[in-house]
Amino acid sequence: MPTISFFYGILIKMFFNDHDPAHFHAEYAEFKATIHIEKLEIIEGCLPRRALELVLDWAELHKNELIEDWHLCKTKQRPYKIEPLK
C-alpha cells in the first residue's frame, strides 16, 4: 500500500486495486480510518478529533489529486505523492 502523503504524524495511503467507493486510508499512532474521497467522511475506523480535522482539511485541498491517485491505484499503477498539509 503506497504512502501518498505524510504530515503531523499522519500517514495517508491507498491500496492497489481497492474496492469502491473511492477512498484513502489515514493512520495516526494506533488509530486507523478509511475516508470517502467525495463525501470527506469516515467510512470505517476512527481518528482523534484533531487528527481527523487535519486529514479532512488536507483532503479538501487535494480532492482532485486524490481522485486521480484513486484511478491510478485501481489500475495497479503507482499513485503520485501529494503535498503534505503545512
PDB file of N, CA and C in Angstrom:
ATOM      1  N   MET A   1       0.860  -1.176   0.000  1.00  0.00           N
ATOM      2  CA  MET A   1       0.000   0.000   0.000  1.00  0.00           C
ATOM      3  C   MET A   1       0.901   1.232   0.000  1.00  0.00           C
ATOM      4  N   PRO A   2       0.923   1.984  -1.087  1.00  0.00           N
ATOM      5  CA  PRO A   2       1.779   3.166  -1.160  1.00  0.00           C
ATOM      6  C   PRO A   2       1.337   4.291  -0.224  1.00  0.00           C
ATOM      7  N   THR A   3       2.313   4.938   0.381  1.00  0.00           N
ATOM      8  CA  THR A   3       2.054   6.145   1.164  1.00  0.00           C
ATOM      9  C   THR A   3       2.091   7.319   0.196  1.00  0.00           C
ATOM     10  N   ILE A   4       1.007   8.092   0.151  1.00  0.00           N
ATOM     11  CA  ILE A   4       0.946   9.206  -0.794  1.00  0.00           C
ATOM     12  C   ILE A   4       1.214  10.552  -0.128  1.00  0.00           C
ATOM     13  N   SER A   5       1.105  10.604   1.207  1.00  0.00           N
ATOM     14  CA  SER A   5       1.425  11.838   1.912  1.00  0.00           C
ATOM     15  C   SER A   5       1.688  11.526   3.384  1.00  0.00           C
ATOM     16  N   PHE A   6       2.389  12.453   4.042  1.00  0.00           N
ATOM     17  CA  PHE A   6       2.695  12.310   5.465  1.00  0.00           C
ATOM     18  C   PHE A   6       2.808  13.701   6.060  1.00  0.00           C
ATOM     19  N   PHE A   7       2.042  13.966   7.122  1.00  0.00           N
ATOM     20  CA  PHE A   7       2.101  15.265   7.794  1.00  0.00           C
ATOM     21  C   PHE A   7       1.626  15.117   9.229  1.00  0.00           C
ATOM     22  N   TYR A   8       2.266  15.852  10.127  1.00  0.00           N
ATOM     23  CA  TYR A   8       1.908  15.873  11.553  1.00  0.00           C
ATOM     24  C   TYR A   8       1.731  14.467  12.141  1.00  0.00           C
ATOM     25  N   GLY A   9       2.568  13.536  11.711  1.00  0.00           N
ATOM     26  CA  GLY A   9       2.495  12.170  12.215  1.00  0.00           C
ATOM     27  C   GLY A   9       1.396  11.329  11.594  1.00  0.00           C
ATOM     28  N   ILE A  10       0.723  11.847  10.573  1.00  0.00           N
ATOM     29  CA  ILE A  10      -0.390  11.150   9.919  1.00  0.00           C
ATOM     30  C   ILE A  10       0.086  10.595   8.577  1.00  0.00           C
ATOM     31  N   LEU A  11      -0.095   9.301   8.376  1.00  0.00           N
ATOM     32  CA  LEU A  11       0.213   8.658   7.096  1.00  0.00           C
ATOM     33  C   LEU A  11      -1.058   8.588   6.267  1.00  0.00           C
ATOM     34  N   ILE A  12      -0.954   8.930   4.985  1.00  0.00           N
ATOM     35  CA  ILE A  12      -2.075   8.808   4.051  1.00  0.00           C
ATOM     36  C   ILE A  12      -1.664   7.767   3.019  1.00  0.00           C
ATOM     37  N   LYS A  13      -2.497   6.723   2.863  1.00  0.00           N
ATOM     38  CA  LYS A  13      -2.162   5.612   1.979  1.00  0.00           C
ATOM     39  C   LYS A  13      -3.346   5.239   1.101  1.00  0.00           C
ATOM     40  N   MET A  14      -3.036   4.525   0.012  1.00  0.00           N
ATOM     41  CA  MET A  14      -4.056   3.918  -0.856  1.00  0.00           C
ATOM     42  C   MET A  14      -3.603   2.510  -1.204  1.00  0.00           C
ATOM     43  N   PHE A  15      -4.564   1.611  -1.315  1.00  0.00           N
ATOM     44  CA  PHE A  15      -4.290   0.239  -1.747  1.00  0.00           C
ATOM     45  C   PHE A  15      -4.372   0.156  -3.263  1.00  0.00           C
ATOM     46  N   PHE A  16      -3.604  -0.748  -3.865  1.00  0.00           N
ATOM     47  CA  PHE A  16      -3.750  -1.046  -5.281  1.00  0.00           C
ATOM     48  C   PHE A  16      -5.020  -1.864  -5.485  1.00  0.00           C
ATOM     49  N   ASN A  17      -5.768  -1.564  -6.543  1.00  0.00           N
ATOM     50  CA  ASN A  17      -6.954  -2.328  -6.937  1.00  0.00           C
ATOM     51  C   ASN A  17      -7.939  -2.500  -5.777  1.00  0.00           C
ATOM     52  N   ASP A  18      -8.184  -1.434  -5.033  1.00  0.00           N
ATOM     53  CA  ASP A  18      -9.066  -1.478  -3.859  1.00  0.00           C
ATOM     54  C   ASP A  18     -10.534  -1.395  -4.287  1.00  0.00           C
ATOM     55  N   HIS A  19     -11.423  -1.722  -3.355  1.00  0.00           N
ATOM     56  CA  HIS A  19     -12.875  -1.717  -3.600  1.00  0.00           C
ATOM     57  C   HIS A  19     -13.418  -0.292  -3.617  1.00  0.00           C
ATOM     58  N   ASP A  20     -14.560  -0.112  -4.290  1.00  0.00           N
ATOM     59  CA  ASP A  20     -15.263   1.164  -4.275  1.00  0.00           C
ATOM     60  C   ASP A  20     -16.002   1.305  -2.951  1.00  0.00           C
ATOM     61  N   PRO A  21     -16.353   2.508  -2.549  1.00  0.00           N
ATOM     62  CA  PRO A  21     -16.196   3.796  -3.201  1.00  0.00           C
ATOM     63  C   PRO A  21     -14.754   4.301  -3.089  1.00  0.00           C
ATOM     64  N   ALA A  22     -14.445   5.351  -3.870  1.00  0.00           N
ATOM     65  CA  ALA A  22     -13.108   5.941  -3.855  1.00  0.00           C
ATOM     66  C   ALA A  22     -12.788   6.429  -2.445  1.00  0.00           C
ATOM     67  N   HIS A  23     -11.645   5.973  -1.920  1.00  0.00           N
ATOM     68  CA  HIS A  23     -11.285   6.314  -0.548  1.00  0.00           C
ATOM     69  C   HIS A  23      -9.770   6.250  -0.356  1.00  0.00           C
ATOM     70  N   PHE A  24      -9.326   6.718   0.789  1.00  0.00           N
ATOM     71  CA  PHE A  24      -7.931   6.585   1.193  1.00  0.00           C
ATOM     72  C   PHE A  24      -7.897   6.173   2.652  1.00  0.00           C
ATOM     73  N   HIS A  25      -6.732   5.766   3.092  1.00  0.00           N
ATOM     74  CA  HIS A  25      -6.541   5.302   4.463  1.00  0.00           C
ATOM     75  C   HIS A  25      -5.652   6.292   5.202  1.00  0.00           C
ATOM     76  N   ALA A  26      -6.060   6.670   6.404  1.00  0.00           N
ATOM     77  CA  ALA A  26      -5.275   7.567   7.245  1.00  0.00           C
ATOM     78  C   ALA A  26      -4.896   6.814   8.517  1.00  0.00           C
ATOM     79  N   GLU A  27      -3.629   6.934   8.905  1.00  0.00           N
ATOM     80  CA  GLU A  27      -3.137   6.286  10.120  1.00  0.00           C
ATOM     81  C   GLU A  27      -2.447   7.317  10.991  1.00  0.00           C
ATOM     82  N   TYR A  28      -2.807   7.318  12.262  1.00  0.00           N
ATOM     83  CA  TYR A  28      -2.201   8.213  13.232  1.00  0.00           C
ATOM     84  C   TYR A  28      -2.024   7.439  14.534  1.00  0.00           C
ATOM     85  N   ALA A  29      -0.762   7.187  14.905  1.00  0.00           N
ATOM     86  CA  ALA A  29      -0.450   6.361  16.076  1.00  0.00           C
ATOM     87  C   ALA A  29      -1.163   5.018  15.922  1.00  0.00           C
ATOM     88  N   GLU A  30      -1.953   4.615  16.906  1.00  0.00           N
ATOM     89  CA  GLU A  30      -2.646   3.328  16.817  1.00  0.00           C
ATOM     90  C   GLU A  30      -4.014   3.435  16.137  1.00  0.00           C
ATOM     91  N   PHE A  31      -4.373   4.616  15.679  1.00  0.00           N
ATOM     92  CA  PHE A  31      -5.674   4.855  15.057  1.00  0.00           C
ATOM     93  C   PHE A  31      -5.596   4.716  13.542  1.00  0.00           C
ATOM     94  N   LYS A  32      -6.655   4.152  12.959  1.00  0.00           N
ATOM     95  CA  LYS A  32      -6.753   3.996  11.511  1.00  0.00           C
ATOM     96  C   LYS A  32      -8.173   4.324  11.070  1.00  0.00           C
ATOM     97  N   ALA A  33      -8.277   4.989   9.921  1.00  0.00           N
ATOM     98  CA  ALA A  33      -9.597   5.307   9.379  1.00  0.00           C
ATOM     99  C   ALA A  33      -9.552   5.255   7.860  1.00  0.00           C
ATOM    100  N   THR A  34     -10.677   4.877   7.286  1.00  0.00           N
ATOM    101  CA  THR A  34     -10.872   4.894   5.837  1.00  0.00           C
ATOM    102  C   THR A  34     -11.770   6.081   5.536  1.00  0.00           C
ATOM    103  N   ILE A  35     -11.314   6.963   4.627  1.00  0.00           N
ATOM    104  CA  ILE A  35     -12.019   8.206   4.348  1.00  0.00           C
ATOM    105  C   ILE A  35     -12.551   8.211   2.913  1.00  0.00           C
ATOM    106  N   HIS A  36     -13.837   8.450   2.761  1.00  0.00           N
ATOM    107  CA  HIS A  36     -14.505   8.571   1.456  1.00  0.00           C
ATOM    108  C   HIS A  36     -14.029   9.877   0.807  1.00  0.00           C
ATOM    109  N   ILE A  37     -13.518   9.816  -0.404  1.00  0.00           N
ATOM    110  CA  ILE A  37     -12.941  10.998  -1.042  1.00  0.00           C
ATOM    111  C   ILE A  37     -14.008  12.031  -1.406  1.00  0.00           C
ATOM    112  N   GLU A  38     -15.095  11.622  -2.002  1.00  0.00           N
ATOM    113  CA  GLU A  38     -16.125  12.579  -2.432  1.00  0.00           C
ATOM    114  C   GLU A  38     -16.860  13.202  -1.244  1.00  0.00           C
ATOM    115  N   LYS A  39     -17.241  12.392  -0.278  1.00  0.00           N
ATOM    116  CA  LYS A  39     -18.032  12.876   0.854  1.00  0.00           C
ATOM    117  C   LYS A  39     -17.188  13.451   1.983  1.00  0.00           C
ATOM    118  N   LEU A  40     -15.876  13.154   1.970  1.00  0.00           N
ATOM    119  CA  LEU A  40     -14.970  13.564   3.035  1.00  0.00           C
ATOM    120  C   LEU A  40     -15.528  13.199   4.413  1.00  0.00           C
ATOM    121  N   GLU A  41     -15.813  11.908   4.550  1.00  0.00           N
ATOM    122  CA  GLU A  41     -16.278  11.385   5.838  1.00  0.00           C
ATOM    123  C   GLU A  41     -15.694  10.001   6.052  1.00  0.00           C
ATOM    124  N   ILE A  42     -15.657   9.593   7.312  1.00  0.00           N
ATOM    125  CA  ILE A  42     -15.113   8.287   7.663  1.00  0.00           C
ATOM    126  C   ILE A  42     -16.067   7.183   7.217  1.00  0.00           C
ATOM    127  N   ILE A  43     -15.518   6.194   6.525  1.00  0.00           N
ATOM    128  CA  ILE A  43     -16.271   5.004   6.134  1.00  0.00           C
ATOM    129  C   ILE A  43     -16.113   3.934   7.214  1.00  0.00           C
ATOM    130  N   GLU A  44     -14.891   3.854   7.745  1.00  0.00           N
ATOM    131  CA  GLU A  44     -14.578   2.803   8.719  1.00  0.00           C
ATOM    132  C   GLU A  44     -13.449   3.294   9.617  1.00  0.00           C
ATOM    133  N   GLY A  45     -13.449   2.855  10.862  1.00  0.00           N
ATOM    134  CA  GLY A  45     -12.382   3.185  11.795  1.00  0.00           C
ATOM    135  C   GLY A  45     -12.620   4.510  12.492  1.00  0.00           C
ATOM    136  N   CYS A  46     -11.549   5.034  13.097  1.00  0.00           N
ATOM    137  CA  CYS A  46     -11.658   6.314  13.795  1.00  0.00           C
ATOM    138  C   CYS A  46     -10.282   6.959  13.928  1.00  0.00           C
ATOM    139  N   LEU A  47     -10.298   8.260  14.097  1.00  0.00           N
ATOM    140  CA  LEU A  47      -9.108   9.059  14.366  1.00  0.00           C
ATOM    141  C   LEU A  47      -9.463  10.028  15.480  1.00  0.00           C
ATOM    142  N   PRO A  48      -8.474  10.459  16.264  1.00  0.00           N
ATOM    143  CA  PRO A  48      -8.758  11.519  17.240  1.00  0.00           C
ATOM    144  C   PRO A  48      -9.289  12.758  16.504  1.00  0.00           C
ATOM    145  N   ARG A  49     -10.096  13.536  17.184  1.00  0.00           N
ATOM    146  CA  ARG A  49     -10.773  14.690  16.573  1.00  0.00           C
ATOM    147  C   ARG A  49      -9.817  15.609  15.830  1.00  0.00           C
ATOM    148  N   ARG A  50      -8.718  16.004  16.442  1.00  0.00           N
ATOM    149  CA  ARG A  50      -7.788  16.944  15.803  1.00  0.00           C
ATOM    150  C   ARG A  50      -7.130  16.315  14.575  1.00  0.00           C
ATOM    151  N   ALA A  51      -6.731  15.060  14.665  1.00  0.00           N
ATOM    152  CA  ALA A  51      -6.125  14.377  13.509  1.00  0.00           C
ATOM    153  C   ALA A  51      -7.140  14.291  12.366  1.00  0.00           C
ATOM    154  N   LEU A  52      -8.397  13.974  12.685  1.00  0.00           N
ATOM    155  CA  LEU A  52      -9.433  13.897  11.657  1.00  0.00           C
ATOM    156  C   LEU A  52      -9.636  15.253  10.992  1.00  0.00           C
ATOM    157  N   GLU A  53      -9.658  16.321  11.770  1.00  0.00           N
ATOM    158  CA  GLU A  53      -9.815  17.656  11.189  1.00  0.00           C
ATOM    159  C   GLU A  53      -8.676  17.969  10.219  1.00  0.00           C
ATOM    160  N   LEU A  54      -7.445  17.613  10.597  1.00  0.00           N
ATOM    161  CA  LEU A  54      -6.294  17.847   9.717  1.00  0.00           C
ATOM    162  C   LEU A  54      -6.417  17.039   8.432  1.00  0.00           C
ATOM    163  N   VAL A  55      -6.810  15.783   8.563  1.00  0.00           N
ATOM    164  CA  VAL A  55      -6.954  14.911   7.391  1.00  0.00           C
ATOM    165  C   VAL A  55      -8.029  15.451   6.458  1.00  0.00           C
ATOM    166  N   LEU A  56      -9.161  15.854   7.003  1.00  0.00           N
ATOM    167  CA  LEU A  56     -10.250  16.357   6.163  1.00  0.00           C
ATOM    168  C   LEU A  56      -9.895  17.692   5.512  1.00  0.00           C
ATOM    169  N   ASP A  57      -9.197  18.569   6.237  1.00  0.00           N
ATOM    170  CA  ASP A  57      -8.740  19.834   5.639  1.00  0.00           C
ATOM    171  C   ASP A  57      -7.797  19.548   4.475  1.00  0.00           C
ATOM    172  N   TRP A  58      -6.851  18.633   4.690  1.00  0.00           N
ATOM    173  CA  TRP A  58      -5.896  18.261   3.641  1.00  0.00           C
ATOM    174  C   TRP A  58      -6.620  17.658   2.443  1.00  0.00           C
ATOM    175  N   ALA A  59      -7.552  16.741   2.703  1.00  0.00           N
ATOM    176  CA  ALA A  59      -8.274  16.060   1.622  1.00  0.00           C
ATOM    177  C   ALA A  59      -9.106  17.037   0.802  1.00  0.00           C
ATOM    178  N   GLU A  60      -9.698  18.014   1.457  1.00  0.00           N
ATOM    179  CA  GLU A  60     -10.485  19.012   0.722  1.00  0.00           C
ATOM    180  C   GLU A  60      -9.593  19.812  -0.232  1.00  0.00           C
ATOM    181  N   LEU A  61      -8.386  20.139   0.207  1.00  0.00           N
ATOM    182  CA  LEU A  61      -7.441  20.878  -0.630  1.00  0.00           C
ATOM    183  C   LEU A  61      -6.931  20.056  -1.810  1.00  0.00           C
ATOM    184  N   HIS A  62      -6.903  18.740  -1.646  1.00  0.00           N
ATOM    185  CA  HIS A  62      -6.284  17.865  -2.646  1.00  0.00           C
ATOM    186  C   HIS A  62      -7.251  16.842  -3.241  1.00  0.00           C
ATOM    187  N   LYS A  63      -8.526  17.166  -3.230  1.00  0.00           N
ATOM    188  CA  LYS A  63      -9.541  16.210  -3.688  1.00  0.00           C
ATOM    189  C   LYS A  63      -9.290  15.734  -5.117  1.00  0.00           C
ATOM    190  N   ASN A  64      -8.973  16.631  -6.030  1.00  0.00           N
ATOM    191  CA  ASN A  64      -8.735  16.223  -7.424  1.00  0.00           C
ATOM    192  C   ASN A  64      -7.533  15.292  -7.534  1.00  0.00           C
ATOM    193  N   GLU A  65      -6.480  15.579  -6.795  1.00  0.00           N
ATOM    194  CA  GLU A  65      -5.304  14.712  -6.808  1.00  0.00           C
ATOM    195  C   GLU A  65      -5.623  13.343  -6.208  1.00  0.00           C
ATOM    196  N   LEU A  66      -6.433  13.323  -5.165  1.00  0.00           N
ATOM    197  CA  LEU A  66      -6.832  12.051  -4.557  1.00  0.00           C
ATOM    198  C   LEU A  66      -7.634  11.205  -5.538  1.00  0.00           C
ATOM    199  N   ILE A  67      -8.527  11.830  -6.269  1.00  0.00           N
ATOM    200  CA  ILE A  67      -9.321  11.096  -7.259  1.00  0.00           C
ATOM    201  C   ILE A  67      -8.413  10.544  -8.355  1.00  0.00           C
ATOM    202  N   GLU A  68      -7.454  11.355  -8.799  1.00  0.00           N
ATOM    203  CA  GLU A  68      -6.501  10.890  -9.811  1.00  0.00           C
ATOM    204  C   GLU A  68      -5.695   9.700  -9.280  1.00  0.00           C
ATOM    205  N   ASP A  69      -5.214   9.809  -8.049  1.00  0.00           N
ATOM    206  CA  ASP A  69      -4.464   8.692  -7.453  1.00  0.00           C
ATOM    207  C   ASP A  69      -5.340   7.454  -7.302  1.00  0.00           C
ATOM    208  N   TRP A  70      -6.611   7.648  -6.964  1.00  0.00           N
ATOM    209  CA  TRP A  70      -7.533   6.518  -6.836  1.00  0.00           C
ATOM    210  C   TRP A  70      -7.611   5.754  -8.158  1.00  0.00           C
ATOM    211  N   HIS A  71      -7.759   6.489  -9.255  1.00  0.00           N
ATOM    212  CA  HIS A  71      -7.847   5.848 -10.563  1.00  0.00           C
ATOM    213  C   HIS A  71      -6.546   5.125 -10.922  1.00  0.00           C
ATOM    214  N   LEU A  72      -5.421   5.702 -10.563  1.00  0.00           N
ATOM    215  CA  LEU A  72      -4.140   5.022 -10.797  1.00  0.00           C
ATOM    216  C   LEU A  72      -4.066   3.724 -10.002  1.00  0.00           C
ATOM    217  N   CYS A  73      -4.428   3.771  -8.741  1.00  0.00           N
ATOM    218  CA  CYS A  73      -4.383   2.565  -7.897  1.00  0.00           C
ATOM    219  C   CYS A  73      -5.351   1.492  -8.388  1.00  0.00           C
ATOM    220  N   LYS A  74      -6.512   1.909  -8.873  1.00  0.00           N
ATOM    221  CA  LYS A  74      -7.492   0.939  -9.383  1.00  0.00           C
ATOM    222  C   LYS A  74      -6.925   0.142 -10.552  1.00  0.00           C
ATOM    223  N   THR A  75      -6.016   0.749 -11.301  1.00  0.00           N
ATOM    224  CA  THR A  75      -5.412   0.064 -12.442  1.00  0.00           C
ATOM    225  C   THR A  75      -3.993  -0.427 -12.120  1.00  0.00           C
ATOM    226  N   LYS A  76      -3.723  -0.551 -10.831  1.00  0.00           N
ATOM    227  CA  LYS A  76      -2.449  -1.089 -10.322  1.00  0.00           C
ATOM    228  C   LYS A  76      -1.231  -0.280 -10.751  1.00  0.00           C
ATOM    229  N   GLN A  77      -1.435   1.032 -10.893  1.00  0.00           N
ATOM    230  CA  GLN A  77      -0.333   1.942 -11.197  1.00  0.00           C
ATOM    231  C   GLN A  77       0.030   2.712  -9.929  1.00  0.00           C
ATOM    232  N   ARG A  78       1.291   3.068  -9.818  1.00  0.00           N
ATOM    233  CA  ARG A  78       1.761   3.793  -8.636  1.00  0.00           C
ATOM    234  C   ARG A  78       1.157   5.196  -8.593  1.00  0.00           C
ATOM    235  N   PRO A  79       0.535   5.557  -7.460  1.00  0.00           N
ATOM    236  CA  PRO A  79      -0.046   6.903  -7.334  1.00  0.00           C
ATOM    237  C   PRO A  79       1.047   7.946  -7.133  1.00  0.00           C
ATOM    238  N   TYR A  80       0.693   9.187  -7.390  1.00  0.00           N
ATOM    239  CA  TYR A  80       1.606  10.303  -7.179  1.00  0.00           C
ATOM    240  C   TYR A  80       1.630  10.682  -5.705  1.00  0.00           C
ATOM    241  N   LYS A  81       2.742  11.220  -5.260  1.00  0.00           N
ATOM    242  CA  LYS A  81       2.817  11.802  -3.918  1.00  0.00           C
ATOM    243  C   LYS A  81       2.009  13.097  -3.942  1.00  0.00           C
ATOM    244  N   ILE A  82       1.379  13.396  -2.811  1.00  0.00           N
ATOM    245  CA  ILE A  82       0.579  14.610  -2.698  1.00  0.00           C
ATOM    246  C   ILE A  82       1.192  15.471  -1.602  1.00  0.00           C
ATOM    247  N   GLU A  83       1.291  16.745  -1.869  1.00  0.00           N
ATOM    248  CA  GLU A  83       1.883  17.711  -0.950  1.00  0.00           C
ATOM    249  C   GLU A  83       1.259  17.576   0.447  1.00  0.00           C
ATOM    250  N   PRO A  84       2.069  17.555   1.481  1.00  0.00           N
ATOM    251  CA  PRO A  84       1.523  17.459   2.842  1.00  0.00           C
ATOM    252  C   PRO A  84       0.873  18.764   3.290  1.00  0.00           C
ATOM    253  N   LEU A  85       0.104  18.678   4.338  1.00  0.00           N
ATOM    254  CA  LEU A  85      -0.503  19.859   4.947  1.00  0.00           C
ATOM    255  C   LEU A  85       0.600  20.628   5.672  1.00  0.00           C
ATOM    256  N   LYS A  86       0.619  21.922   5.496  1.00  0.00           N
ATOM    257  CA  LYS A  86       1.655  22.749   6.139  1.00  0.00           C
ATOM    258  C   LYS A  86       1.058  23.705   7.126  1.00  0.00           C
TER     259      LYS A  86
END
